[in-house]
N, C-alpha and C. Protein backbone atom coordinates (compact mmCIF):
# COMPACT_ATOMS: atom_id res chain seq x y z
N UNK A 1 36.50 -4.02 4.87
CA UNK A 1 36.20 -5.36 3.52
C UNK A 1 36.98 -5.21 1.95
N UNK A 2 36.89 -3.85 2.09
CA UNK A 2 38.21 -3.64 0.56
C UNK A 2 38.99 -4.32 0.90
N UNK A 3 40.07 -4.28 1.83
CA UNK A 3 41.40 -4.62 1.57
C UNK A 3 41.39 -6.24 1.76
N UNK A 4 40.69 -6.74 2.31
CA UNK A 4 40.94 -8.47 2.36
C UNK A 4 39.87 -8.81 0.49
N UNK A 5 39.85 -8.02 0.09
CA UNK A 5 39.15 -8.25 -1.30
C UNK A 5 40.49 -8.57 -2.47
N UNK A 6 40.96 -7.46 -2.07
CA UNK A 6 42.52 -7.63 -2.93
C UNK A 6 43.24 -9.20 -2.75
N UNK A 7 43.03 -9.92 -1.68
CA UNK A 7 43.96 -10.63 -1.33
C UNK A 7 43.18 -11.90 -2.87
N UNK A 8 42.42 -11.81 -3.44
CA UNK A 8 41.39 -12.81 -3.60
C UNK A 8 41.69 -12.63 -5.17
N UNK A 9 41.74 -14.03 -5.61
CA UNK A 9 42.34 -14.50 -7.11
C UNK A 9 40.73 -13.83 -8.32
N UNK A 10 40.46 -14.32 -9.16
CA UNK A 10 39.59 -13.88 -10.07
C UNK A 10 38.61 -14.65 -9.90
N UNK A 11 38.91 -16.42 -9.86
CA UNK A 11 38.01 -17.20 -9.42
C UNK A 11 36.95 -16.98 -8.50
N UNK A 12 38.08 -16.55 -6.93
CA UNK A 12 37.22 -15.59 -5.62
C UNK A 12 36.33 -14.76 -5.70
N UNK A 13 36.92 -13.83 -6.65
CA UNK A 13 36.22 -12.45 -7.27
C UNK A 13 34.78 -13.12 -7.07
N UNK A 14 34.66 -13.60 -8.52
CA UNK A 14 33.78 -14.10 -9.40
C UNK A 14 32.88 -14.71 -8.59
N UNK A 15 32.86 -15.60 -7.36
CA UNK A 15 31.93 -16.07 -6.46
C UNK A 15 31.87 -15.08 -5.25
N UNK A 16 32.11 -14.22 -4.87
CA UNK A 16 31.69 -13.33 -3.85
C UNK A 16 31.06 -11.84 -4.97
N UNK A 17 30.86 -11.89 -6.44
CA UNK A 17 30.52 -11.24 -7.10
C UNK A 17 28.68 -11.70 -7.05
N UNK A 18 28.87 -13.46 -7.72
CA UNK A 18 27.78 -13.89 -7.53
C UNK A 18 26.66 -13.75 -6.39
N UNK A 19 27.37 -13.99 -5.47
CA UNK A 19 26.58 -14.30 -3.59
C UNK A 19 26.13 -12.73 -3.85
N UNK A 20 26.73 -12.01 -3.92
CA UNK A 20 26.23 -10.22 -3.78
C UNK A 20 25.38 -10.08 -5.06
N UNK A 21 25.29 -10.39 -5.97
CA UNK A 21 24.13 -10.49 -7.07
C UNK A 21 22.64 -11.28 -6.73
N UNK A 22 23.04 -12.73 -5.74
CA UNK A 22 22.35 -13.73 -5.55
C UNK A 22 21.04 -12.54 -4.28
N UNK A 23 22.35 -12.29 -3.52
CA UNK A 23 21.99 -11.64 -2.36
C UNK A 23 20.81 -10.15 -2.59
N UNK A 24 21.79 -8.99 -3.66
CA UNK A 24 20.58 -8.08 -3.74
C UNK A 24 19.17 -8.70 -4.89
N UNK A 25 19.52 -9.58 -5.35
CA UNK A 25 18.14 -10.27 -5.96
C UNK A 25 17.03 -10.56 -4.84
N UNK A 26 17.51 -11.37 -3.99
CA UNK A 26 16.86 -12.01 -2.90
C UNK A 26 16.06 -10.22 -2.50
N UNK A 27 17.23 -9.45 -2.08
CA UNK A 27 16.67 -8.04 -1.59
C UNK A 27 15.67 -7.48 -2.03
N UNK A 28 15.76 -7.51 -3.99
CA UNK A 28 14.59 -6.92 -4.56
C UNK A 28 13.74 -7.46 -4.67
N UNK A 29 13.37 -8.59 -4.75
CA UNK A 29 12.25 -9.81 -4.54
C UNK A 29 11.60 -9.18 -3.27
N UNK A 30 12.06 -8.99 -1.87
CA UNK A 30 11.05 -9.01 -1.20
C UNK A 30 10.35 -7.60 -1.00
N UNK A 31 11.68 -6.90 -1.54
CA UNK A 31 10.91 -5.50 -1.53
C UNK A 31 9.64 -5.06 -2.59
N UNK A 32 9.99 -6.27 -3.73
CA UNK A 32 8.35 -6.09 -4.44
C UNK A 32 7.63 -6.57 -3.82
N UNK A 33 7.87 -7.93 -2.86
CA UNK A 33 7.00 -8.69 -2.36
C UNK A 33 6.05 -7.22 -1.05
N UNK A 34 6.74 -7.10 -0.43
CA UNK A 34 6.19 -5.76 0.54
C UNK A 34 5.47 -4.32 0.16
N UNK A 35 6.12 -3.65 -1.18
CA UNK A 35 5.46 -3.09 -1.71
C UNK A 35 3.93 -3.62 -2.57
N UNK A 36 4.28 -4.81 -2.97
CA UNK A 36 2.47 -5.49 -3.34
C UNK A 36 1.76 -5.66 -2.24
N UNK A 37 2.15 -5.85 -0.96
CA UNK A 37 1.53 -6.22 0.03
C UNK A 37 0.76 -4.68 0.86
N UNK A 38 1.84 -3.91 0.41
CA UNK A 38 1.36 -2.00 0.63
C UNK A 38 0.17 -2.04 -0.39
N UNK A 39 0.55 -1.43 -1.41
CA UNK A 39 -0.69 -1.65 -2.46
C UNK A 39 -1.88 -2.24 -1.98
N UNK A 40 -1.61 -3.38 -1.87
CA UNK A 40 -3.20 -4.01 -1.81
C UNK A 40 -3.88 -3.69 -0.34
N UNK A 41 -3.06 -3.44 0.50
CA UNK A 41 -3.50 -3.08 2.33
C UNK A 41 -4.24 -1.53 1.48
N UNK A 42 -3.39 -1.06 0.94
CA UNK A 42 -3.86 0.90 0.62
C UNK A 42 -5.54 0.74 -0.36
N UNK A 43 -5.48 -0.28 -1.50
CA UNK A 43 -6.49 -0.60 -2.42
C UNK A 43 -8.01 -1.09 -1.35
N UNK A 44 -7.58 -1.98 -0.25
CA UNK A 44 -8.50 -2.24 0.84
C UNK A 44 -9.35 -0.72 1.31
N UNK A 45 -8.03 -0.14 2.06
CA UNK A 45 -8.21 1.01 2.85
C UNK A 45 -9.16 2.02 1.78
N UNK A 46 -8.77 1.81 0.72
CA UNK A 46 -9.45 3.13 -0.38
C UNK A 46 -11.10 2.74 -0.24
N UNK A 47 -11.37 1.04 -0.53
CA UNK A 47 -12.67 0.60 -0.54
C UNK A 47 -13.55 1.19 0.59
N UNK A 48 -12.44 0.54 1.50
CA UNK A 48 -13.46 0.86 2.80
C UNK A 48 -13.87 2.27 3.17
N UNK A 49 -12.92 3.44 2.71
CA UNK A 49 -12.82 4.88 2.86
C UNK A 49 -14.47 5.50 1.75
N UNK A 50 -14.45 4.53 1.30
CA UNK A 50 -15.64 5.04 -0.16
C UNK A 50 -16.55 4.65 0.40
N UNK A 51 -17.01 3.18 0.62
CA UNK A 51 -17.97 2.56 1.19
C UNK A 51 -18.69 3.89 2.36
N UNK A 52 -17.46 3.99 3.32
CA UNK A 52 -17.84 5.04 4.44
C UNK A 52 -18.28 6.13 3.95
N UNK A 53 -17.48 6.93 2.75
CA UNK A 53 -18.13 8.39 2.25
C UNK A 53 -19.88 7.95 1.94
N UNK A 54 -20.06 6.84 0.95
CA UNK A 54 -20.92 7.20 0.53
C UNK A 54 -22.44 6.59 1.92
N UNK A 55 -21.96 5.83 2.89
CA UNK A 55 -22.90 5.90 3.60
C UNK A 55 -23.09 6.70 4.48
N UNK A 56 -22.30 7.67 4.87
CA UNK A 56 -22.17 9.39 5.34
C UNK A 56 -23.20 10.08 4.28
N UNK A 57 -23.09 10.18 3.34
CA UNK A 57 -23.66 10.92 2.43
C UNK A 57 -24.94 10.62 2.13
N UNK A 58 -25.19 9.60 2.31
CA UNK A 58 -26.31 9.34 2.10
C UNK A 58 -27.78 9.06 3.32
N UNK A 59 -26.94 9.31 4.36
CA UNK A 59 -26.82 9.47 5.98
C UNK A 59 -27.63 11.05 5.98
N UNK A 60 -26.44 11.47 5.35
CA UNK A 60 -26.69 12.99 5.33
C UNK A 60 -27.92 13.69 4.07
N UNK A 61 -28.39 13.17 3.20
CA UNK A 61 -29.69 13.13 2.54
C UNK A 61 -30.65 12.57 3.21
N UNK A 62 -30.74 11.60 4.41
CA UNK A 62 -31.96 10.94 4.67
C UNK A 62 -32.31 12.18 5.39
N UNK A 63 -31.41 12.85 6.40
CA UNK A 63 -31.64 13.63 7.06
C UNK A 63 -32.13 15.18 6.84
N UNK A 64 -31.77 15.31 5.77
CA UNK A 64 -31.98 16.64 5.03
C UNK A 64 -33.53 16.48 4.32
N UNK A 65 -33.74 15.01 3.67
CA UNK A 65 -35.19 14.80 3.45
C UNK A 65 -36.33 15.00 4.51
N UNK A 66 -35.82 14.43 5.54
CA UNK A 66 -36.74 14.16 6.88
C UNK A 66 -36.81 15.88 7.56
N UNK A 67 -35.74 16.57 7.42
CA UNK A 67 -36.15 17.96 7.55
C UNK A 67 -36.85 18.64 6.74
N UNK A 68 -37.02 18.52 5.41
CA UNK A 68 -37.74 18.67 4.43
C UNK A 68 -39.26 18.45 4.45
N UNK A 69 -39.72 17.15 4.77
CA UNK A 69 -40.44 16.39 5.15
C UNK A 69 -41.40 16.93 6.20
N UNK A 70 -40.91 17.64 7.46
CA UNK A 70 -40.86 17.88 8.50
C UNK A 70 -41.67 19.90 8.53
N UNK A 71 -40.87 20.21 7.55
CA UNK A 71 -41.00 21.50 7.27
C UNK A 71 -42.54 21.44 6.30
N UNK A 72 -42.62 20.92 5.26
CA UNK A 72 -43.80 20.69 4.63
C UNK A 72 -45.20 20.39 5.66
N UNK A 73 -45.12 19.73 6.24
CA UNK A 73 -46.00 19.07 7.40
C UNK A 73 -46.49 20.09 8.00
N UNK A 74 -45.37 21.24 8.66
CA UNK A 74 -45.64 22.26 9.40
C UNK A 74 -45.99 23.18 8.69
N UNK A 75 -46.29 23.47 7.46
CA UNK A 75 -47.03 24.76 6.41
C UNK A 75 -47.86 24.11 6.39
N UNK A 76 -48.41 23.13 6.43
CA UNK A 76 -49.79 22.50 5.96
C UNK A 76 -51.07 23.18 7.45
């Protein structure tokens, strides 16, 4: 590509530069869009994991409480 650019005049080089800048802008925009989608997905996963953690901790404490109640009943 470099060899073919040497044959271009200033106006043509400016057109190539403008096309490249537009392409880079589209690429950056798409990258930004994909990163935002990934962040949103990770935030949803974080919420799901937090909810699961709360559920498991609650389940653990219920089991612990049931064990204590059974132990107290047996001691009577």
